[in-house]
Amino acid sequence: MVSHSCHRLLICALACVSLASCGSLVDSLAHDERPVPNEVDDARVQRDALVPALHASIDSATGLFRFPVPNVAADEMPLDTASAQAAEYLFYVLNISVIRGAVEGQRGAFIDLPTLVRCSRPHLMRSVYERPPDSLPAAIRFQLGSYWTIPFCGNRRTPEVVVSIVTLGNNARYKNSQSVGDTTGQTLAFRIAGVPWEWNVEHVVTAEEAVNETFAVTGVRAAQLPEAVIALQVNGRQAGSVWCPLWRVALERPVRMAAVFSLRRLDLREVYVGDSSCPGVIGRVILATPLAEQPESREVAVVIRDASDPTGFRRVVHAARYKSPVNFESVIIER
């Protein structure tokens, strides 16, 4: 449902003539990984923008952060499983004309399936909700859990498709263009979005650019590696694109900032960095902070089959409590 941009569409031509050849293609989708040139060329992190302890986290060849693999709970899907399943799911959905047409519309351009490989860096988007009870239907739990975002690139070596995979309780699996195992709620457990063809990677805030921009504005170094977080609203407008997270940047010391909507004056030890390509964000790159008032919960309702009910269906409602900020506003530094 993690480091670039989102939404538009694509057409896809399928070139497999047998399940065996399709399987080899899926293997290449899962294991062939390319860096995105725009990240390498344009987004090298500035060493001066980091405390010395973080310099070891910079890849000397690319100038990009080497992020450790995020930890997930024992009952959540790990990254290696998610990466393999993302490739299988990509091949699965692009054989379905309706879904292929939807992704095609998001991309706004032709996508050549055999050229797609996993690229850039996957991110774990941590859930903003408290963990839902296991007793809830999968259709609810899948909307409230954390998820991996895994980009795929074509010949241009820029992201064309992003697959997001729910980590919690996700037992859906795909193999050779077929769904296998537990397929309950699979349309929520796996999702796919086309990246607009006109979106340039360099126009989207990466982790490196978030740190660089924060240092340029505040003059204060980052004390931790940046973390992608989910925003529902920025400056009163809907946000939340899978390609457009905010980056949380922890600072070495507090910085006096002014919130542009609430007019609060704040000493901030962390800021959230976003890009104008994303919904709700105003300006090329913004620094933001959580609004003073945050929603406490969100009501989630689904209708499930229930043979014991006279209608054959039952409505399930759950009040999902937020555990982290989801609404943000821009801040500017006080000179």
C-alpha atoms as a PDB file:
ATOM      1  CA  MET A   1       0.000   0.000   0.000  1.00  0.00           C
ATOM      2  CA  VAL A   2       7.533   3.507   0.326  1.00  0.00           C
ATOM      3  CA  SER A   3      10.730   6.141  -2.282  1.00  0.00           C
ATOM      4  CA  HIS A   4       9.101   7.711  -5.355  1.00  0.00           C
ATOM      5  CA  SER A   5       5.848   8.746  -7.131  1.00  0.00           C
ATOM      6  CA  CYS A   6       2.469   7.182  -8.068  1.00  0.00           C
ATOM      7  CA  HIS A   7      -0.767   6.920 -10.080  1.00  0.00           C
ATOM      8  CA  ARG A   8      -1.598   6.570 -13.787  1.00  0.00           C
ATOM      9  CA  LEU A   9      -1.598   3.390 -16.086  1.00  0.00           C
ATOM     10  CA  LEU A  10      -0.413   0.822 -18.677  1.00  0.00           C
ATOM     11  CA  ILE A  11      -0.990  -1.804 -21.410  1.00  0.00           C
ATOM     12  CA  CYS A  12       0.889  -5.042 -21.268  1.00  0.00           C
ATOM     13  CA  ALA A  13       1.822  -7.613 -23.911  1.00  0.00           C
ATOM     14  CA  LEU A  14       2.453 -11.121 -22.610  1.00  0.00           C
ATOM     15  CA  ALA A  15       5.185 -13.054 -24.308  1.00  0.00           C
ATOM     16  CA  CYS A  16       5.127 -16.410 -22.493  1.00  0.00           C
ATOM     17  CA  VAL A  17       4.124 -19.396 -24.592  1.00  0.00           C
ATOM     18  CA  SER A  18       4.259 -21.990 -21.811  1.00  0.00           C
ATOM     19  CA  LEU A  19       4.075 -22.142 -18.071  1.00  0.00           C
ATOM     20  CA  ALA A  20       7.715 -23.183 -18.020  1.00  0.00           C
ATOM     21  CA  SER A  21       8.834 -20.064 -19.885  1.00  0.00           C
ATOM     22  CA  CYS A  22       6.562 -17.919 -17.711  1.00  0.00           C
ATOM     23  CA  GLY A  23       8.134 -19.425 -14.631  1.00  0.00           C
ATOM     24  CA  SER A  24      11.623 -18.447 -15.770  1.00  0.00           C
ATOM     25  CA  LEU A  25      10.363 -14.936 -16.452  1.00  0.00           C
ATOM     26  CA  VAL A  26       8.905 -14.708 -12.975  1.00  0.00           C
ATOM     27  CA  ASP A  27      12.189 -15.896 -11.524  1.00  0.00           C
ATOM     28  CA  SER A  28      13.968 -13.073 -13.317  1.00  0.00           C
ATOM     29  CA  LEU A  29      11.362 -10.608 -12.062  1.00  0.00           C
ATOM     30  CA  ALA A  30      11.999 -11.716  -8.517  1.00  0.00           C
ATOM     31  CA  HIS A  31      15.787 -11.856  -8.514  1.00  0.00           C
ATOM     32  CA  ASP A  32      17.150  -9.448 -11.154  1.00  0.00           C
ATOM     33  CA  GLU A  33      17.457  -6.103  -9.411  1.00  0.00           C
ATOM     34  CA  ARG A  34      18.668  -2.857 -10.993  1.00  0.00           C
ATOM     35  CA  PRO A  35      19.493   0.468  -9.407  1.00  0.00           C
ATOM     36  CA  VAL A  36      17.588   3.463 -10.725  1.00  0.00           C
ATOM     37  CA  PRO A  37      20.079   5.772 -12.496  1.00  0.00           C
ATOM     38  CA  ASN A  38      18.267   8.911 -11.361  1.00  0.00           C
ATOM     39  CA  GLU A  39      18.794   7.919  -7.752  1.00  0.00           C
ATOM     40  CA  VAL A  40      22.460   7.188  -8.359  1.00  0.00           C
ATOM     41  CA  ASP A  41      23.132  10.319 -10.424  1.00  0.00           C
ATOM     42  CA  ASP A  42      20.985  12.919  -8.709  1.00  0.00           C
ATOM     43  CA  ALA A  43      20.336  11.922  -5.130  1.00  0.00           C
ATOM     44  CA  ARG A  44      23.679  11.220  -3.483  1.00  0.00           C
ATOM     45  CA  VAL A  45      23.409  12.015   0.192  1.00  0.00           C
ATOM     46  CA  GLN A  46      25.648  14.809   1.465  1.00  0.00           C
ATOM     47  CA  ARG A  47      27.951  13.516   4.169  1.00  0.00           C
ATOM     48  CA  ASP A  48      27.842  16.916   5.870  1.00  0.00           C
ATOM     49  CA  ALA A  49      24.079  16.431   6.322  1.00  0.00           C
ATOM     50  CA  LEU A  50      24.614  13.421   8.622  1.00  0.00           C
ATOM     51  CA  VAL A  51      26.172  12.889  12.005  1.00  0.00           C
ATOM     52  CA  PRO A  52      29.462  10.978  11.611  1.00  0.00           C
ATOM     53  CA  ALA A  53      27.961   7.790  13.057  1.00  0.00           C
ATOM     54  CA  LEU A  54      25.741   7.494   9.952  1.00  0.00           C
ATOM     55  CA  HIS A  55      28.539   7.793   7.387  1.00  0.00           C
ATOM     56  CA  ALA A  56      28.993   4.018   7.427  1.00  0.00           C
ATOM     57  CA  SER A  57      25.410   3.709   6.134  1.00  0.00           C
ATOM     58  CA  ILE A  58      26.333   5.355   2.813  1.00  0.00           C
ATOM     59  CA  ASP A  59      27.179   3.094  -0.128  1.00  0.00           C
ATOM     60  CA  SER A  60      30.520   4.336  -1.438  1.00  0.00           C
ATOM     61  CA  ALA A  61      29.721   3.379  -5.041  1.00  0.00           C
ATOM     62  CA  THR A  62      26.296   5.000  -5.327  1.00  0.00           C
ATOM     63  CA  GLY A  63      26.187   7.596  -2.573  1.00  0.00           C
ATOM     64  CA  LEU A  64      22.843   6.157  -1.440  1.00  0.00           C
ATOM     65  CA  PHE A  65      21.790   4.919   1.965  1.00  0.00           C
ATOM     66  CA  ARG A  66      22.169   1.233   2.711  1.00  0.00           C
ATOM     67  CA  PHE A  67      19.012   0.603   4.674  1.00  0.00           C
ATOM     68  CA  PRO A  68      18.928  -2.445   6.941  1.00  0.00           C
ATOM     69  CA  VAL A  69      16.118  -4.881   6.210  1.00  0.00           C
ATOM     70  CA  PRO A  70      13.242  -3.780   8.477  1.00  0.00           C
ATOM     71  CA  ASN A  71      12.138  -6.200  11.144  1.00  0.00           C
ATOM     72  CA  VAL A  72       8.631  -7.637  11.021  1.00  0.00           C
ATOM     73  CA  ALA A  73       6.802  -9.784  13.548  1.00  0.00           C
ATOM     74  CA  ALA A  74       7.067 -13.559  13.346  1.00  0.00           C
ATOM     75  CA  ASP A  75       3.586 -13.820  11.827  1.00  0.00           C
ATOM     76  CA  GLU A  76       4.216 -11.124   9.180  1.00  0.00           C
ATOM     77  CA  MET A  77       5.523 -11.613   5.642  1.00  0.00           C
ATOM     78  CA  PRO A  78       9.322 -11.031   5.436  1.00  0.00           C
ATOM     79  CA  LEU A  79      10.906  -9.102   2.589  1.00  0.00           C
ATOM     80  CA  ASP A  80      12.329 -12.089   0.694  1.00  0.00           C
ATOM     81  CA  THR A  81       8.902 -13.751   0.559  1.00  0.00           C
ATOM     82  CA  ALA A  82       7.244 -10.461  -0.387  1.00  0.00           C
ATOM     83  CA  SER A  83       9.726  -9.856  -3.217  1.00  0.00           C
ATOM     84  CA  ALA A  84       9.125 -13.271  -4.744  1.00  0.00           C
ATOM     85  CA  GLN A  85       5.371 -12.947  -4.375  1.00  0.00           C
ATOM     86  CA  ALA A  86       5.394  -9.436  -5.849  1.00  0.00           C
ATOM     87  CA  ALA A  87       6.881 -10.837  -9.039  1.00  0.00           C
ATOM     88  CA  GLU A  88       4.362 -13.680  -9.141  1.00  0.00           C
ATOM     89  CA  TYR A  89       1.489 -11.294  -8.443  1.00  0.00           C
ATOM     90  CA  LEU A  90       2.667  -8.877 -11.138  1.00  0.00           C
ATOM     91  CA  PHE A  91       2.649 -11.657 -13.704  1.00  0.00           C
ATOM     92  CA  TYR A  92      -0.720 -12.890 -12.429  1.00  0.00           C
ATOM     93  CA  VAL A  93      -2.580  -9.576 -12.633  1.00  0.00           C
ATOM     94  CA  LEU A  94      -1.162  -8.568 -15.999  1.00  0.00           C
ATOM     95  CA  ASN A  95      -2.817 -11.654 -17.477  1.00  0.00           C
ATOM     96  CA  ILE A  96      -6.194 -10.247 -16.390  1.00  0.00           C
ATOM     97  CA  SER A  97      -7.477  -7.717 -18.899  1.00  0.00           C
ATOM     98  CA  VAL A  98      -9.549  -5.675 -16.438  1.00  0.00           C
ATOM     99  CA  ILE A  99      -6.699  -5.195 -13.971  1.00  0.00           C
ATOM    100  CA  ARG A 100      -4.189  -4.745 -16.770  1.00  0.00           C
ATOM    101  CA  GLY A 101      -6.396  -2.038 -18.228  1.00  0.00           C
ATOM    102  CA  ALA A 102      -6.621  -0.272 -14.876  1.00  0.00           C
ATOM    103  CA  VAL A 103      -2.851  -0.279 -14.351  1.00  0.00           C
ATOM    104  CA  GLU A 104      -2.470   0.782 -17.963  1.00  0.00           C
ATOM    105  CA  GLY A 105      -4.623   3.827 -17.339  1.00  0.00           C
ATOM    106  CA  GLN A 106      -2.539   4.799 -14.320  1.00  0.00           C
ATOM    107  CA  ARG A 107       0.690   4.422 -16.246  1.00  0.00           C
ATOM    108  CA  GLY A 108      -0.571   6.183 -19.370  1.00  0.00           C
ATOM    109  CA  ALA A 109       1.878   4.219 -21.493  1.00  0.00           C
ATOM    110  CA  PHE A 110       2.706   0.747 -22.779  1.00  0.00           C
ATOM    111  CA  ILE A 111       4.474  -1.607 -20.405  1.00  0.00           C
ATOM    112  CA  ASP A 112       6.529  -4.464 -21.797  1.00  0.00           C
ATOM    113  CA  LEU A 113       6.162  -7.216 -19.188  1.00  0.00           C
ATOM    114  CA  PRO A 114       9.290  -9.245 -20.071  1.00  0.00           C
ATOM    115  CA  THR A 115      11.494  -6.197 -19.411  1.00  0.00           C
ATOM    116  CA  LEU A 116      10.187  -5.583 -15.894  1.00  0.00           C
ATOM    117  CA  VAL A 117      12.581  -6.318 -13.049  1.00  0.00           C
ATOM    118  CA  ARG A 118      12.554  -5.403  -9.398  1.00  0.00           C
ATOM    119  CA  CYS A 119      14.420  -2.155  -9.000  1.00  0.00           C
ATOM    120  CA  SER A 120      15.160   0.690  -6.612  1.00  0.00           C
ATOM    121  CA  ARG A 121      14.605  -0.086  -2.941  1.00  0.00           C
ATOM    122  CA  PRO A 122      11.572  -1.733  -1.358  1.00  0.00           C
ATOM    123  CA  HIS A 123      10.197  -0.075   1.748  1.00  0.00           C
ATOM    124  CA  LEU A 124       8.176  -1.295   4.677  1.00  0.00           C
ATOM    125  CA  MET A 125       5.355   1.165   5.277  1.00  0.00           C
ATOM    126  CA  ARG A 126       4.612   0.793   8.974  1.00  0.00           C
ATOM    127  CA  SER A 127       0.943   0.763   9.892  1.00  0.00           C
ATOM    128  CA  VAL A 128      -0.466   3.898  11.505  1.00  0.00           C
ATOM    129  CA  TYR A 129      -3.014   1.760  13.394  1.00  0.00           C
ATOM    130  CA  GLU A 130      -2.795  -0.379  16.482  1.00  0.00           C
ATOM    131  CA  ARG A 131      -2.560  -4.052  15.601  1.00  0.00           C
ATOM    132  CA  PRO A 132      -6.059  -5.349  14.775  1.00  0.00           C
ATOM    133  CA  PRO A 133      -7.339  -8.434  16.646  1.00  0.00           C
ATOM    134  CA  ASP A 134      -6.727 -11.721  14.850  1.00  0.00           C
ATOM    135  CA  SER A 135     -10.440 -12.480  15.214  1.00  0.00           C
ATOM    136  CA  LEU A 136     -11.347  -9.777  12.691  1.00  0.00           C
ATOM    137  CA  PRO A 137     -12.037 -10.752   9.055  1.00  0.00           C
ATOM    138  CA  ALA A 138      -9.039 -10.598   6.744  1.00  0.00           C
ATOM    139  CA  ALA A 139     -10.771  -7.873   4.725  1.00  0.00           C
ATOM    140  CA  ILE A 140     -10.431  -5.568   7.732  1.00  0.00           C
ATOM    141  CA  ARG A 141      -6.995  -6.659   8.938  1.00  0.00           C
ATOM    142  CA  PHE A 142      -5.512  -6.164   5.467  1.00  0.00           C
ATOM    143  CA  GLN A 143      -6.617  -2.530   5.469  1.00  0.00           C
ATOM    144  CA  LEU A 144      -4.972  -1.803   8.815  1.00  0.00           C
ATOM    145  CA  GLY A 145      -1.607  -3.567   8.687  1.00  0.00           C
ATOM    146  CA  SER A 146       1.855  -2.628   7.475  1.00  0.00           C
ATOM    147  CA  TYR A 147       2.795  -3.319   3.867  1.00  0.00           C
ATOM    148  CA  TRP A 148       5.824  -3.631   1.613  1.00  0.00           C
ATOM    149  CA  THR A 149       6.085  -1.440  -1.481  1.00  0.00           C
ATOM    150  CA  ILE A 150       8.199  -3.057  -4.216  1.00  0.00           C
ATOM    151  CA  PRO A 151       8.959  -1.141  -7.450  1.00  0.00           C
ATOM    152  CA  PHE A 152       9.525  -2.724 -10.883  1.00  0.00           C
ATOM    153  CA  CYS A 153      11.400  -1.076 -13.754  1.00  0.00           C
ATOM    154  CA  GLY A 154      11.492  -1.629 -17.519  1.00  0.00           C
ATOM    155  CA  ASN A 155      14.060  -0.784 -20.181  1.00  0.00           C
ATOM    156  CA  ARG A 156      14.199   2.868 -19.155  1.00  0.00           C
ATOM    157  CA  ARG A 157      15.276   1.662 -15.728  1.00  0.00           C
ATOM    158  CA  THR A 158      12.827   3.938 -13.999  1.00  0.00           C
ATOM    159  CA  PRO A 159       9.886   2.644 -11.952  1.00  0.00           C
ATOM    160  CA  GLU A 160       6.851   1.715 -14.051  1.00  0.00           C
ATOM    161  CA  VAL A 161       4.825  -0.383 -11.598  1.00  0.00           C
ATOM    162  CA  VAL A 162       4.700  -0.679  -7.827  1.00  0.00           C
ATOM    163  CA  VAL A 163       3.313  -3.717  -6.009  1.00  0.00           C
ATOM    164  CA  SER A 164       2.230  -3.344  -2.389  1.00  0.00           C
ATOM    165  CA  ILE A 165       1.858  -6.407  -0.174  1.00  0.00           C
ATOM    166  CA  VAL A 166       0.215  -6.559   3.238  1.00  0.00           C
ATOM    167  CA  THR A 167       2.472  -8.197   5.795  1.00  0.00           C
ATOM    168  CA  LEU A 168       0.015  -9.272   8.509  1.00  0.00           C
ATOM    169  CA  GLY A 169      -1.898 -12.532   8.133  1.00  0.00           C
ATOM    170  CA  ASN A 170      -1.309 -12.607   4.382  1.00  0.00           C
ATOM    171  CA  ASN A 171      -1.506 -16.239   3.277  1.00  0.00           C
ATOM    172  CA  ALA A 172      -2.427 -15.574  -0.363  1.00  0.00           C
ATOM    173  CA  ARG A 173       0.130 -16.965  -2.802  1.00  0.00           C
ATOM    174  CA  TYR A 174       0.629 -16.975  -6.577  1.00  0.00           C
ATOM    175  CA  LYS A 175       2.442 -19.376  -8.865  1.00  0.00           C
ATOM    176  CA  ASN A 176       2.632 -19.529 -12.669  1.00  0.00           C
ATOM    177  CA  SER A 177      -0.165 -16.996 -13.088  1.00  0.00           C
ATOM    178  CA  GLN A 178      -2.488 -18.822 -10.707  1.00  0.00           C
ATOM    179  CA  SER A 179      -3.631 -17.958  -7.190  1.00  0.00           C
ATOM    180  CA  VAL A 180      -2.972 -20.791  -4.750  1.00  0.00           C
ATOM    181  CA  GLY A 181      -3.606 -21.380  -1.065  1.00  0.00           C
ATOM    182  CA  ASP A 182      -5.658 -18.952   0.990  1.00  0.00           C
ATOM    183  CA  THR A 183      -7.148 -16.409  -1.416  1.00  0.00           C
ATOM    184  CA  THR A 184      -9.483 -14.777   1.123  1.00  0.00           C
ATOM    185  CA  GLY A 185      -9.261 -11.032   0.715  1.00  0.00           C
ATOM    186  CA  GLN A 186      -6.447 -11.313  -1.846  1.00  0.00           C
ATOM    187  CA  THR A 187      -7.614  -8.154  -3.639  1.00  0.00           C
ATOM    188  CA  LEU A 188      -6.703  -6.249  -0.469  1.00  0.00           C
ATOM    189  CA  ALA A 189      -3.604  -8.276   0.418  1.00  0.00           C
ATOM    190  CA  PHE A 190      -1.891  -7.515  -2.913  1.00  0.00           C
ATOM    191  CA  ARG A 191      -2.276  -4.302  -4.899  1.00  0.00           C
ATOM    192  CA  ILE A 192      -0.658  -2.871  -7.975  1.00  0.00           C
ATOM    193  CA  ALA A 193      -0.348   0.678  -9.309  1.00  0.00           C
ATOM    194  CA  GLY A 194       1.134   2.095 -12.487  1.00  0.00           C
ATOM    195  CA  VAL A 195       3.606   4.959 -12.187  1.00  0.00           C
ATOM    196  CA  PRO A 196       2.714   7.890 -14.513  1.00  0.00           C
ATOM    197  CA  TRP A 197       5.076   7.806 -17.455  1.00  0.00           C
ATOM    198  CA  GLU A 198       5.697  11.577 -17.339  1.00  0.00           C
ATOM    199  CA  TRP A 199       6.803  11.490 -13.720  1.00  0.00           C
ATOM    200  CA  ASN A 200      10.574  11.826 -13.566  1.00  0.00           C
ATOM    201  CA  VAL A 201      12.286  10.066 -10.705  1.00  0.00           C
ATOM    202  CA  GLU A 202      14.370  13.153  -9.958  1.00  0.00           C
ATOM    203  CA  HIS A 203      11.164  15.089  -9.272  1.00  0.00           C
ATOM    204  CA  VAL A 204      10.269  12.896  -6.322  1.00  0.00           C
ATOM    205  CA  VAL A 205      11.804  13.196  -2.887  1.00  0.00           C
ATOM    206  CA  THR A 206      14.036  10.238  -2.045  1.00  0.00           C
ATOM    207  CA  ALA A 207      15.471   9.414   1.357  1.00  0.00           C
ATOM    208  CA  GLU A 208      18.742  11.093   0.381  1.00  0.00           C
ATOM    209  CA  GLU A 209      17.024  14.226  -0.875  1.00  0.00           C
ATOM    210  CA  ALA A 210      14.947  14.431   2.301  1.00  0.00           C
ATOM    211  CA  VAL A 211      18.125  14.526   4.394  1.00  0.00           C
ATOM    212  CA  ASN A 212      19.881  16.927   2.028  1.00  0.00           C
ATOM    213  CA  GLU A 213      16.907  19.289   1.941  1.00  0.00           C
ATOM    214  CA  THR A 214      16.494  19.263   5.704  1.00  0.00           C
ATOM    215  CA  PHE A 215      20.159  20.145   6.156  1.00  0.00           C
ATOM    216  CA  ALA A 216      19.949  22.906   3.532  1.00  0.00           C
ATOM    217  CA  VAL A 217      16.956  24.492   5.278  1.00  0.00           C
ATOM    218  CA  THR A 218      17.906  24.022   8.927  1.00  0.00           C
ATOM    219  CA  GLY A 219      21.689  23.685   8.917  1.00  0.00           C
ATOM    220  CA  VAL A 220      21.267  20.791  11.362  1.00  0.00           C
ATOM    221  CA  ARG A 221      22.454  17.254  10.653  1.00  0.00           C
ATOM    222  CA  ALA A 222      20.294  14.142  10.610  1.00  0.00           C
ATOM    223  CA  ALA A 223      20.825  11.955  13.673  1.00  0.00           C
ATOM    224  CA  GLN A 224      19.178   8.792  12.291  1.00  0.00           C
ATOM    225  CA  LEU A 225      18.469   7.229   8.913  1.00  0.00           C
ATOM    226  CA  PRO A 226      15.255   8.706   7.448  1.00  0.00           C
ATOM    227  CA  GLU A 227      12.093   6.638   7.713  1.00  0.00           C
ATOM    228  CA  ALA A 228       9.182   6.581   5.267  1.00  0.00           C
ATOM    229  CA  VAL A 229       5.843   7.231   6.974  1.00  0.00           C
ATOM    230  CA  ILE A 230       2.233   7.287   5.841  1.00  0.00           C
ATOM    231  CA  ALA A 231       0.297  10.555   5.740  1.00  0.00           C
ATOM    232  CA  LEU A 232      -3.453  10.786   5.275  1.00  0.00           C
ATOM    233  CA  GLN A 233      -3.550  14.578   4.942  1.00  0.00           C
ATOM    234  CA  VAL A 234      -0.936  17.249   4.298  1.00  0.00           C
ATOM    235  CA  ASN A 235      -2.002  20.876   4.584  1.00  0.00           C
ATOM    236  CA  GLY A 236      -5.631  19.802   4.732  1.00  0.00           C
ATOM    237  CA  ARG A 237      -5.534  17.858   1.475  1.00  0.00           C
ATOM    238  CA  GLN A 238      -5.709  14.104   1.004  1.00  0.00           C
ATOM    239  CA  ALA A 239      -2.367  12.339   0.733  1.00  0.00           C
ATOM    240  CA  GLY A 240      -1.363   8.720   1.177  1.00  0.00           C
ATOM    241  CA  SER A 241      -0.031   7.617  -2.222  1.00  0.00           C
ATOM    242  CA  VAL A 242       2.144   4.490  -2.102  1.00  0.00           C
ATOM    243  CA  TRP A 243       4.766   6.392  -4.098  1.00  0.00           C
ATOM    244  CA  CYS A 244       4.587   9.526  -1.999  1.00  0.00           C
ATOM    245  CA  PRO A 245       5.470   8.915   1.620  1.00  0.00           C
ATOM    246  CA  LEU A 246       6.708  11.595   3.936  1.00  0.00           C
ATOM    247  CA  TRP A 247      10.233  11.040   5.194  1.00  0.00           C
ATOM    248  CA  ARG A 248      10.748  11.455   8.930  1.00  0.00           C
ATOM    249  CA  VAL A 249      14.148  13.018   9.594  1.00  0.00           C
ATOM    250  CA  ALA A 250      15.396  13.062  13.194  1.00  0.00           C
ATOM    251  CA  LEU A 251      17.618  16.074  13.922  1.00  0.00           C
ATOM    252  CA  GLU A 252      20.810  16.345  15.953  1.00  0.00           C
ATOM    253  CA  ARG A 253      19.325  19.209  17.979  1.00  0.00           C
ATOM    254  CA  PRO A 254      16.012  21.121  18.121  1.00  0.00           C
ATOM    255  CA  VAL A 255      15.299  23.798  15.540  1.00  0.00           C
ATOM    256  CA  ARG A 256      12.813  26.660  15.995  1.00  0.00           C
ATOM    257  CA  MET A 257      10.164  26.390  13.264  1.00  0.00           C
ATOM    258  CA  ALA A 258       6.826  28.067  12.557  1.00  0.00           C
ATOM    259  CA  ALA A 259       3.771  26.105  11.402  1.00  0.00           C
ATOM    260  CA  VAL A 260       2.240  27.910   8.447  1.00  0.00           C
ATOM    261  CA  PHE A 261      -1.433  27.062   9.085  1.00  0.00           C
ATOM    262  CA  SER A 262      -1.777  26.847  12.868  1.00  0.00           C
ATOM    263  CA  LEU A 263       0.855  29.596  13.379  1.00  0.00           C
ATOM    264  CA  ARG A 264       2.440  27.556  16.179  1.00  0.00           C
ATOM    265  CA  ARG A 265       6.076  28.234  17.051  1.00  0.00           C
ATOM    266  CA  LEU A 266       7.811  24.942  17.729  1.00  0.00           C
ATOM    267  CA  ASP A 267      11.218  23.591  18.693  1.00  0.00           C
ATOM    268  CA  LEU A 268      11.350  20.475  16.510  1.00  0.00           C
ATOM    269  CA  ARG A 269      13.676  17.499  16.931  1.00  0.00           C
ATOM    270  CA  GLU A 270      12.238  15.845  13.818  1.00  0.00           C
ATOM    271  CA  VAL A 271      10.661  17.030  10.587  1.00  0.00           C
ATOM    272  CA  TYR A 272       8.696  15.289   7.842  1.00  0.00           C
ATOM    273  CA  VAL A 273       9.771  15.910   4.255  1.00  0.00           C
ATOM    274  CA  GLY A 274       7.506  15.588   1.194  1.00  0.00           C
ATOM    275  CA  ASP A 275       7.355  16.510  -2.478  1.00  0.00           C
ATOM    276  CA  SER A 276       5.041  18.677  -4.575  1.00  0.00           C
ATOM    277  CA  SER A 277       4.311  15.767  -6.946  1.00  0.00           C
ATOM    278  CA  CYS A 278       2.330  14.142  -4.152  1.00  0.00           C
ATOM    279  CA  PRO A 279      -1.290  14.996  -3.325  1.00  0.00           C
ATOM    280  CA  GLY A 280      -1.683  17.565  -0.578  1.00  0.00           C
ATOM    281  CA  VAL A 281       1.854  18.900  -0.847  1.00  0.00           C
ATOM    282  CA  ILE A 282       2.395  22.522  -1.848  1.00  0.00           C
ATOM    283  CA  GLY A 283       5.781  23.619  -3.161  1.00  0.00           C
ATOM    284  CA  ARG A 284       8.736  21.694  -4.622  1.00  0.00           C
ATOM    285  CA  VAL A 285       9.820  20.208  -1.309  1.00  0.00           C
ATOM    286  CA  ILE A 286       8.226  20.926   2.040  1.00  0.00           C
ATOM    287  CA  LEU A 287       9.087  20.341   5.645  1.00  0.00           C
ATOM    288  CA  ALA A 288       6.109  19.428   7.806  1.00  0.00           C
ATOM    289  CA  THR A 289       5.088  18.553  11.339  1.00  0.00           C
ATOM    290  CA  PRO A 290       2.057  16.716  12.756  1.00  0.00           C
ATOM    291  CA  LEU A 291      -1.004  18.826  13.445  1.00  0.00           C
ATOM    292  CA  ALA A 292      -1.692  19.449  17.116  1.00  0.00           C
ATOM    293  CA  GLU A 293      -4.993  17.543  16.935  1.00  0.00           C
ATOM    294  CA  GLN A 294      -5.004  14.062  15.434  1.00  0.00           C
ATOM    295  CA  PRO A 295      -7.912  11.658  14.840  1.00  0.00           C
ATOM    296  CA  GLU A 296      -8.204   8.975  17.516  1.00  0.00           C
ATOM    297  CA  SER A 297      -9.718   6.218  15.399  1.00  0.00           C
ATOM    298  CA  ARG A 298     -11.265   5.270  12.081  1.00  0.00           C
ATOM    299  CA  GLU A 299     -14.310   3.078  11.602  1.00  0.00           C
ATOM    300  CA  VAL A 300     -13.759   0.217   9.164  1.00  0.00           C
ATOM    301  CA  ALA A 301     -16.722  -1.862   8.005  1.00  0.00           C
ATOM    302  CA  VAL A 302     -16.963  -4.881   5.702  1.00  0.00           C
ATOM    303  CA  VAL A 303     -19.708  -7.302   4.711  1.00  0.00           C
ATOM    304  CA  ILE A 304     -18.756 -10.978   4.900  1.00  0.00           C
ATOM    305  CA  ARG A 305     -20.526 -14.216   4.126  1.00  0.00           C
ATOM    306  CA  ASP A 306     -22.187 -15.827   7.149  1.00  0.00           C
ATOM    307  CA  ALA A 307     -24.317 -18.948   6.733  1.00  0.00           C
ATOM    308  CA  SER A 308     -25.793 -18.479  10.210  1.00  0.00           C
ATOM    309  CA  ASP A 309     -27.341 -15.138   9.246  1.00  0.00           C
ATOM    310  CA  PRO A 310     -30.771 -15.279   7.514  1.00  0.00           C
ATOM    311  CA  THR A 311     -29.457 -13.051   4.733  1.00  0.00           C
ATOM    312  CA  GLY A 312     -26.312 -15.099   4.244  1.00  0.00           C
ATOM    313  CA  PHE A 313     -24.152 -12.061   5.045  1.00  0.00           C
ATOM    314  CA  ARG A 314     -23.015 -10.166   8.117  1.00  0.00           C
ATOM    315  CA  ARG A 315     -21.672  -6.622   8.545  1.00  0.00           C
ATOM    316  CA  VAL A 316     -18.563  -6.320  10.702  1.00  0.00           C
ATOM    317  CA  VAL A 317     -17.491  -2.933  12.087  1.00  0.00           C
ATOM    318  CA  HIS A 318     -14.184  -2.191  13.809  1.00  0.00           C
ATOM    319  CA  ALA A 319     -12.971   1.076  15.353  1.00  0.00           C
ATOM    320  CA  ALA A 320      -9.291   1.094  14.399  1.00  0.00           C
ATOM    321  CA  ARG A 321      -7.230   3.256  16.742  1.00  0.00           C
ATOM    322  CA  TYR A 322      -4.362   5.322  15.379  1.00  0.00           C
ATOM    323  CA  LYS A 323      -0.948   4.884  17.010  1.00  0.00           C
ATOM    324  CA  SER A 324       0.955   7.565  15.077  1.00  0.00           C
ATOM    325  CA  PRO A 325       0.251  10.987  13.503  1.00  0.00           C
ATOM    326  CA  VAL A 326      -1.484  10.964  10.123  1.00  0.00           C
ATOM    327  CA  ASN A 327      -2.311  14.651   9.470  1.00  0.00           C
ATOM    328  CA  PHE A 328       0.479  17.168   8.849  1.00  0.00           C
ATOM    329  CA  GLU A 329       1.091  20.847   8.080  1.00  0.00           C
ATOM    330  CA  SER A 330       4.029  22.705   6.545  1.00  0.00           C
ATOM    331  CA  VAL A 331       6.641  24.435   8.673  1.00  0.00           C
ATOM    332  CA  ILE A 332       9.229  27.099   7.878  1.00  0.00           C
ATOM    333  CA  ILE A 333      12.369  27.941   9.798  1.00  0.00           C
ATOM    334  CA  GLU A 334      12.439  31.100  11.877  1.00  0.00           C
ATOM    335  CA  ARG A 335      15.403  33.297  11.008  1.00  0.00           C
END
